[in-house]
Amino acid sequence: MPTPSKGDRFAVTGRLPTIYRSKLSQWVQVTGESQSDLVARLLMYHLDENDPAQHRCQQAFNVKKIA
C-alpha cells in the first residue's frame, strides 16, 4: 500500500564519517524512523531555529587606508 504524500520536497544528501554508521543504523532501527526522515527532521529543526539573515560567517576587520 503506498504511503501518503508528504508534499512538495527536494532531495538533500550528505556524507558522514563511517564512525557514525553503526549508531545511525541502531537509531533508525530503535525508532522506526527512516534515515531520510531523521535527516529531514533535524535539518528542518535547525533551519527553523536559525535565521540565515542573522548569521554572519565572516568577521568584520578594521582596515586602515595606507596613504
PDB file of N, CA and C in Angstrom:
ATOM      1  N   MET A   1       0.846  -1.178   0.000  1.00  0.00           N
ATOM      2  CA  MET A   1       0.000   0.000   0.000  1.00  0.00           C
ATOM      3  C   MET A   1       0.893   1.242   0.000  1.00  0.00           C
ATOM      4  N   PRO A   2       0.671   2.173  -0.913  1.00  0.00           N
ATOM      5  CA  PRO A   2       1.508   3.371  -0.985  1.00  0.00           C
ATOM      6  C   PRO A   2       1.301   4.257   0.238  1.00  0.00           C
ATOM      7  N   THR A   3       2.365   4.974   0.600  1.00  0.00           N
ATOM      8  CA  THR A   3       2.260   5.906   1.721  1.00  0.00           C
ATOM      9  C   THR A   3       1.738   7.241   1.226  1.00  0.00           C
ATOM     10  N   PRO A   4       1.052   7.980   2.091  1.00  0.00           N
ATOM     11  CA  PRO A   4       0.540   9.288   1.667  1.00  0.00           C
ATOM     12  C   PRO A   4       1.680  10.249   1.350  1.00  0.00           C
ATOM     13  N   SER A   5       1.425  11.164   0.444  1.00  0.00           N
ATOM     14  CA  SER A   5       2.421  12.148   0.051  1.00  0.00           C
ATOM     15  C   SER A   5       2.718  13.096   1.205  1.00  0.00           C
ATOM     16  N   LYS A   6       3.972  13.487   1.337  1.00  0.00           N
ATOM     17  CA  LYS A   6       4.366  14.454   2.353  1.00  0.00           C
ATOM     18  C   LYS A   6       4.453  15.852   1.751  1.00  0.00           C
ATOM     19  N   GLY A   7       3.976  16.011   0.526  1.00  0.00           N
ATOM     20  CA  GLY A   7       4.005  17.319  -0.113  1.00  0.00           C
ATOM     21  C   GLY A   7       5.227  17.492  -0.998  1.00  0.00           C
ATOM     22  N   ASP A   8       5.337  18.690  -1.535  1.00  0.00           N
ATOM     23  CA  ASP A   8       6.424  19.029  -2.441  1.00  0.00           C
ATOM     24  C   ASP A   8       7.746  19.029  -1.673  1.00  0.00           C
ATOM     25  N   ARG A   9       8.714  18.263  -2.129  1.00  0.00           N
ATOM     26  CA  ARG A   9      10.002  18.125  -1.438  1.00  0.00           C
ATOM     27  C   ARG A   9      11.145  18.174  -2.441  1.00  0.00           C
ATOM     28  N   PHE A  10      12.368  18.353  -1.935  1.00  0.00           N
ATOM     29  CA  PHE A  10      13.566  18.227  -2.761  1.00  0.00           C
ATOM     30  C   PHE A  10      14.583  17.400  -2.003  1.00  0.00           C
ATOM     31  N   ALA A  11      15.493  16.775  -2.714  1.00  0.00           N
ATOM     32  CA  ALA A  11      16.467  15.871  -2.108  1.00  0.00           C
ATOM     33  C   ALA A  11      17.695  16.636  -1.617  1.00  0.00           C
ATOM     34  N   VAL A  12      18.196  16.214  -0.464  1.00  0.00           N
ATOM     35  CA  VAL A  12      19.427  16.743   0.119  1.00  0.00           C
ATOM     36  C   VAL A  12      20.268  15.541   0.517  1.00  0.00           C
ATOM     37  N   THR A  13      21.534  15.582   0.200  1.00  0.00           N
ATOM     38  CA  THR A  13      22.402  14.469   0.587  1.00  0.00           C
ATOM     39  C   THR A  13      23.585  14.995   1.384  1.00  0.00           C
ATOM     40  N   GLY A  14      24.178  14.109   2.115  1.00  0.00           N
ATOM     41  CA  GLY A  14      25.361  14.462   2.896  1.00  0.00           C
ATOM     42  C   GLY A  14      26.156  13.207   3.203  1.00  0.00           C
ATOM     43  N   ARG A  15      27.384  13.384   3.570  1.00  0.00           N
ATOM     44  CA  ARG A  15      28.250  12.259   3.904  1.00  0.00           C
ATOM     45  C   ARG A  15      28.721  12.401   5.338  1.00  0.00           C
ATOM     46  N   LEU A  16      28.583  11.317   6.085  1.00  0.00           N
ATOM     47  CA  LEU A  16      29.035  11.280   7.467  1.00  0.00           C
ATOM     48  C   LEU A  16      30.278  10.417   7.572  1.00  0.00           C
ATOM     49  N   PRO A  17      31.121  10.695   8.539  1.00  0.00           N
ATOM     50  CA  PRO A  17      32.247   9.790   8.778  1.00  0.00           C
ATOM     51  C   PRO A  17      31.716   8.395   9.122  1.00  0.00           C
ATOM     52  N   THR A  18      32.425   7.380   8.705  1.00  0.00           N
ATOM     53  CA  THR A  18      31.948   5.998   8.889  1.00  0.00           C
ATOM     54  C   THR A  18      31.799   5.607  10.350  1.00  0.00           C
ATOM     55  N   ILE A  19      32.423   6.345  11.261  1.00  0.00           N
ATOM     56  CA  ILE A  19      32.263   6.000  12.679  1.00  0.00           C
ATOM     57  C   ILE A  19      30.813   6.159  13.149  1.00  0.00           C
ATOM     58  N   TYR A  20      29.983   6.885  12.395  1.00  0.00           N
ATOM     59  CA  TYR A  20      28.578   7.078  12.755  1.00  0.00           C
ATOM     60  C   TYR A  20      27.641   6.041  12.146  1.00  0.00           C
ATOM     61  N   ARG A  21      28.131   5.201  11.287  1.00  0.00           N
ATOM     62  CA  ARG A  21      27.279   4.249  10.564  1.00  0.00           C
ATOM     63  C   ARG A  21      26.504   3.342  11.518  1.00  0.00           C
ATOM     64  N   SER A  22      27.187   2.719  12.448  1.00  0.00           N
ATOM     65  CA  SER A  22      26.546   1.775  13.365  1.00  0.00           C
ATOM     66  C   SER A  22      25.517   2.472  14.251  1.00  0.00           C
ATOM     67  N   LYS A  23      25.884   3.622  14.778  1.00  0.00           N
ATOM     68  CA  LYS A  23      24.980   4.351  15.668  1.00  0.00           C
ATOM     69  C   LYS A  23      23.729   4.810  14.919  1.00  0.00           C
ATOM     70  N   LEU A  24      23.901   5.287  13.695  1.00  0.00           N
ATOM     71  CA  LEU A  24      22.758   5.699  12.887  1.00  0.00           C
ATOM     72  C   LEU A  24      21.857   4.508  12.591  1.00  0.00           C
ATOM     73  N   SER A  25      22.463   3.400  12.237  1.00  0.00           N
ATOM     74  CA  SER A  25      21.693   2.189  11.952  1.00  0.00           C
ATOM     75  C   SER A  25      20.896   1.746  13.175  1.00  0.00           C
ATOM     76  N   GLN A  26      21.530   1.784  14.329  1.00  0.00           N
ATOM     77  CA  GLN A  26      20.834   1.421  15.565  1.00  0.00           C
ATOM     78  C   GLN A  26      19.697   2.385  15.855  1.00  0.00           C
ATOM     79  N   TRP A  27      19.953   3.672  15.640  1.00  0.00           N
ATOM     80  CA  TRP A  27      18.940   4.689  15.926  1.00  0.00           C
ATOM     81  C   TRP A  27      17.676   4.481  15.094  1.00  0.00           C
ATOM     82  N   VAL A  28      17.853   4.287  13.789  1.00  0.00           N
ATOM     83  CA  VAL A  28      16.666   4.126  12.935  1.00  0.00           C
ATOM     84  C   VAL A  28      15.964   2.801  13.213  1.00  0.00           C
ATOM     85  N   GLN A  29      16.711   1.795  13.636  1.00  0.00           N
ATOM     86  CA  GLN A  29      16.085   0.511  13.981  1.00  0.00           C
ATOM     87  C   GLN A  29      15.249   0.654  15.249  1.00  0.00           C
ATOM     88  N   VAL A  30      15.763   1.352  16.234  1.00  0.00           N
ATOM     89  CA  VAL A  30      15.055   1.525  17.506  1.00  0.00           C
ATOM     90  C   VAL A  30      13.836   2.423  17.348  1.00  0.00           C
ATOM     91  N   THR A  31      13.979   3.515  16.584  1.00  0.00           N
ATOM     92  CA  THR A  31      12.892   4.495  16.472  1.00  0.00           C
ATOM     93  C   THR A  31      11.894   4.166  15.366  1.00  0.00           C
ATOM     94  N   GLY A  32      12.325   3.392  14.380  1.00  0.00           N
ATOM     95  CA  GLY A  32      11.452   3.116  13.241  1.00  0.00           C
ATOM     96  C   GLY A  32      11.417   4.255  12.234  1.00  0.00           C
ATOM     97  N   GLU A  33      12.166   5.301  12.500  1.00  0.00           N
ATOM     98  CA  GLU A  33      12.241   6.446  11.594  1.00  0.00           C
ATOM     99  C   GLU A  33      13.282   6.139  10.523  1.00  0.00           C
ATOM    100  N   SER A  34      12.996   6.484   9.274  1.00  0.00           N
ATOM    101  CA  SER A  34      13.975   6.248   8.215  1.00  0.00           C
ATOM    102  C   SER A  34      15.130   7.228   8.337  1.00  0.00           C
ATOM    103  N   GLN A  35      16.261   6.873   7.758  1.00  0.00           N
ATOM    104  CA  GLN A  35      17.401   7.785   7.747  1.00  0.00           C
ATOM    105  C   GLN A  35      17.014   9.099   7.083  1.00  0.00           C
ATOM    106  N   SER A  36      16.297   9.008   5.992  1.00  0.00           N
ATOM    107  CA  SER A  36      15.887  10.203   5.260  1.00  0.00           C
ATOM    108  C   SER A  36      14.997  11.097   6.120  1.00  0.00           C
ATOM    109  N   ASP A  37      14.026  10.502   6.812  1.00  0.00           N
ATOM    110  CA  ASP A  37      13.135  11.294   7.659  1.00  0.00           C
ATOM    111  C   ASP A  37      13.883  11.898   8.843  1.00  0.00           C
ATOM    112  N   LEU A  38      14.840  11.161   9.404  1.00  0.00           N
ATOM    113  CA  LEU A  38      15.644  11.676  10.511  1.00  0.00           C
ATOM    114  C   LEU A  38      16.437  12.902  10.070  1.00  0.00           C
ATOM    115  N   VAL A  39      17.124  12.781   8.946  1.00  0.00           N
ATOM    116  CA  VAL A  39      17.924  13.903   8.439  1.00  0.00           C
ATOM    117  C   VAL A  39      17.026  15.094   8.123  1.00  0.00           C
ATOM    118  N   ALA A  40      15.899  14.855   7.489  1.00  0.00           N
ATOM    119  CA  ALA A  40      14.977  15.948   7.150  1.00  0.00           C
ATOM    120  C   ALA A  40      14.467  16.631   8.412  1.00  0.00           C
ATOM    121  N   ARG A  41      14.083  15.849   9.418  1.00  0.00           N
ATOM    122  CA  ARG A  41      13.560  16.417  10.666  1.00  0.00           C
ATOM    123  C   ARG A  41      14.616  17.282  11.350  1.00  0.00           C
ATOM    124  N   LEU A  42      15.840  16.771  11.453  1.00  0.00           N
ATOM    125  CA  LEU A  42      16.898  17.519  12.124  1.00  0.00           C
ATOM    126  C   LEU A  42      17.282  18.788  11.356  1.00  0.00           C
ATOM    127  N   LEU A  43      17.341  18.689  10.039  1.00  0.00           N
ATOM    128  CA  LEU A  43      17.694  19.854   9.225  1.00  0.00           C
ATOM    129  C   LEU A  43      16.589  20.913   9.277  1.00  0.00           C
ATOM    130  N   MET A  44      15.334  20.487   9.208  1.00  0.00           N
ATOM    131  CA  MET A  44      14.233  21.454   9.291  1.00  0.00           C
ATOM    132  C   MET A  44      14.218  22.141  10.651  1.00  0.00           C
ATOM    133  N   TYR A  45      14.489  21.390  11.724  1.00  0.00           N
ATOM    134  CA  TYR A  45      14.552  21.987  13.056  1.00  0.00           C
ATOM    135  C   TYR A  45      15.653  23.051  13.098  1.00  0.00           C
ATOM    136  N   HIS A  46      16.824  22.697  12.588  1.00  0.00           N
ATOM    137  CA  HIS A  46      17.943  23.637  12.578  1.00  0.00           C
ATOM    138  C   HIS A  46      17.596  24.906  11.791  1.00  0.00           C
ATOM    139  N   LEU A  47      17.001  24.739  10.626  1.00  0.00           N
ATOM    140  CA  LEU A  47      16.654  25.888   9.794  1.00  0.00           C
ATOM    141  C   LEU A  47      15.545  26.727  10.414  1.00  0.00           C
ATOM    142  N   ASP A  48      14.587  26.075  11.083  1.00  0.00           N
ATOM    143  CA  ASP A  48      13.515  26.816  11.743  1.00  0.00           C
ATOM    144  C   ASP A  48      14.033  27.621  12.935  1.00  0.00           C
ATOM    145  N   GLU A  49      15.042  27.101  13.617  1.00  0.00           N
ATOM    146  CA  GLU A  49      15.576  27.747  14.817  1.00  0.00           C
ATOM    147  C   GLU A  49      16.652  28.792  14.521  1.00  0.00           C
ATOM    148  N   ASN A  50      17.194  28.806  13.321  1.00  0.00           N
ATOM    149  CA  ASN A  50      18.298  29.693  12.981  1.00  0.00           C
ATOM    150  C   ASN A  50      17.984  30.471  11.718  1.00  0.00           C
ATOM    151  N   ASP A  51      18.025  31.790  11.829  1.00  0.00           N
ATOM    152  CA  ASP A  51      17.738  32.658  10.692  1.00  0.00           C
ATOM    153  C   ASP A  51      19.035  32.950   9.933  1.00  0.00           C
ATOM    154  N   PRO A  52      19.141  32.500   8.683  1.00  0.00           N
ATOM    155  CA  PRO A  52      20.367  32.748   7.916  1.00  0.00           C
ATOM    156  C   PRO A  52      20.702  34.234   7.803  1.00  0.00           C
ATOM    157  N   ALA A  53      19.693  35.092   7.783  1.00  0.00           N
ATOM    158  CA  ALA A  53      19.943  36.530   7.657  1.00  0.00           C
ATOM    159  C   ALA A  53      20.631  37.084   8.906  1.00  0.00           C
ATOM    160  N   GLN A  54      20.504  36.399  10.037  1.00  0.00           N
ATOM    161  CA  GLN A  54      21.113  36.850  11.283  1.00  0.00           C
ATOM    162  C   GLN A  54      22.492  36.250  11.514  1.00  0.00           C
ATOM    163  N   HIS A  55      22.864  35.287  10.690  1.00  0.00           N
ATOM    164  CA  HIS A  55      24.132  34.588  10.875  1.00  0.00           C
ATOM    165  C   HIS A  55      25.224  35.243  10.043  1.00  0.00           C
ATOM    166  N   ARG A  56      26.327  35.548  10.679  1.00  0.00           N
ATOM    167  CA  ARG A  56      27.462  36.138   9.962  1.00  0.00           C
ATOM    168  C   ARG A  56      28.593  35.134   9.959  1.00  0.00           C
ATOM    169  N   CYS A  57      28.979  34.712   8.801  1.00  0.00           N
ATOM    170  CA  CYS A  57      30.051  33.734   8.661  1.00  0.00           C
ATOM    171  C   CYS A  57      31.424  34.382   8.673  1.00  0.00           C
ATOM    172  N   GLN A  58      31.480  35.651   8.409  1.00  0.00           N
ATOM    173  CA  GLN A  58      32.770  36.319   8.322  1.00  0.00           C
ATOM    174  C   GLN A  58      32.859  37.410   9.370  1.00  0.00           C
ATOM    175  N   GLN A  59      34.025  37.539   9.916  1.00  0.00           N
ATOM    176  CA  GLN A  59      34.285  38.568  10.899  1.00  0.00           C
ATOM    177  C   GLN A  59      34.647  39.866  10.186  1.00  0.00           C
ATOM    178  N   ALA A  60      34.152  40.980  10.693  1.00  0.00           N
ATOM    179  CA  ALA A  60      34.491  42.280  10.123  1.00  0.00           C
ATOM    180  C   ALA A  60      35.875  42.693  10.605  1.00  0.00           C
ATOM    181  N   PHE A  61      36.666  43.199   9.712  1.00  0.00           N
ATOM    182  CA  PHE A  61      38.008  43.652  10.048  1.00  0.00           C
ATOM    183  C   PHE A  61      38.085  45.163   9.928  1.00  0.00           C
ATOM    184  N   ASN A  62      38.853  45.771  10.806  1.00  0.00           N
ATOM    185  CA  ASN A  62      39.087  47.200  10.748  1.00  0.00           C
ATOM    186  C   ASN A  62      40.275  47.419   9.805  1.00  0.00           C
ATOM    187  N   VAL A  63      39.994  47.904   8.631  1.00  0.00           N
ATOM    188  CA  VAL A  63      41.036  48.090   7.623  1.00  0.00           C
ATOM    189  C   VAL A  63      41.397  49.572   7.557  1.00  0.00           C
ATOM    190  N   LYS A  64      42.672  49.842   7.763  1.00  0.00           N
ATOM    191  CA  LYS A  64      43.142  51.227   7.702  1.00  0.00           C
ATOM    192  C   LYS A  64      43.723  51.490   6.314  1.00  0.00           C
ATOM    193  N   LYS A  65      43.399  52.631   5.785  1.00  0.00           N
ATOM    194  CA  LYS A  65      43.919  53.014   4.480  1.00  0.00           C
ATOM    195  C   LYS A  65      45.343  53.563   4.651  1.00  0.00           C
ATOM    196  N   ILE A  66      46.244  52.994   3.884  1.00  0.00           N
ATOM    197  CA  ILE A  66      47.638  53.438   3.934  1.00  0.00           C
ATOM    198  C   ILE A  66      47.859  54.422   2.786  1.00  0.00           C
ATOM    199  N   ALA A  67      48.314  55.650   3.138  1.00  0.00           N
ATOM    200  CA  ALA A  67      48.494  56.682   2.114  1.00  0.00           C
ATOM    201  C   ALA A  67      49.910  56.679   1.582  1.00  0.00           C
TER     202      ALA A  67
END
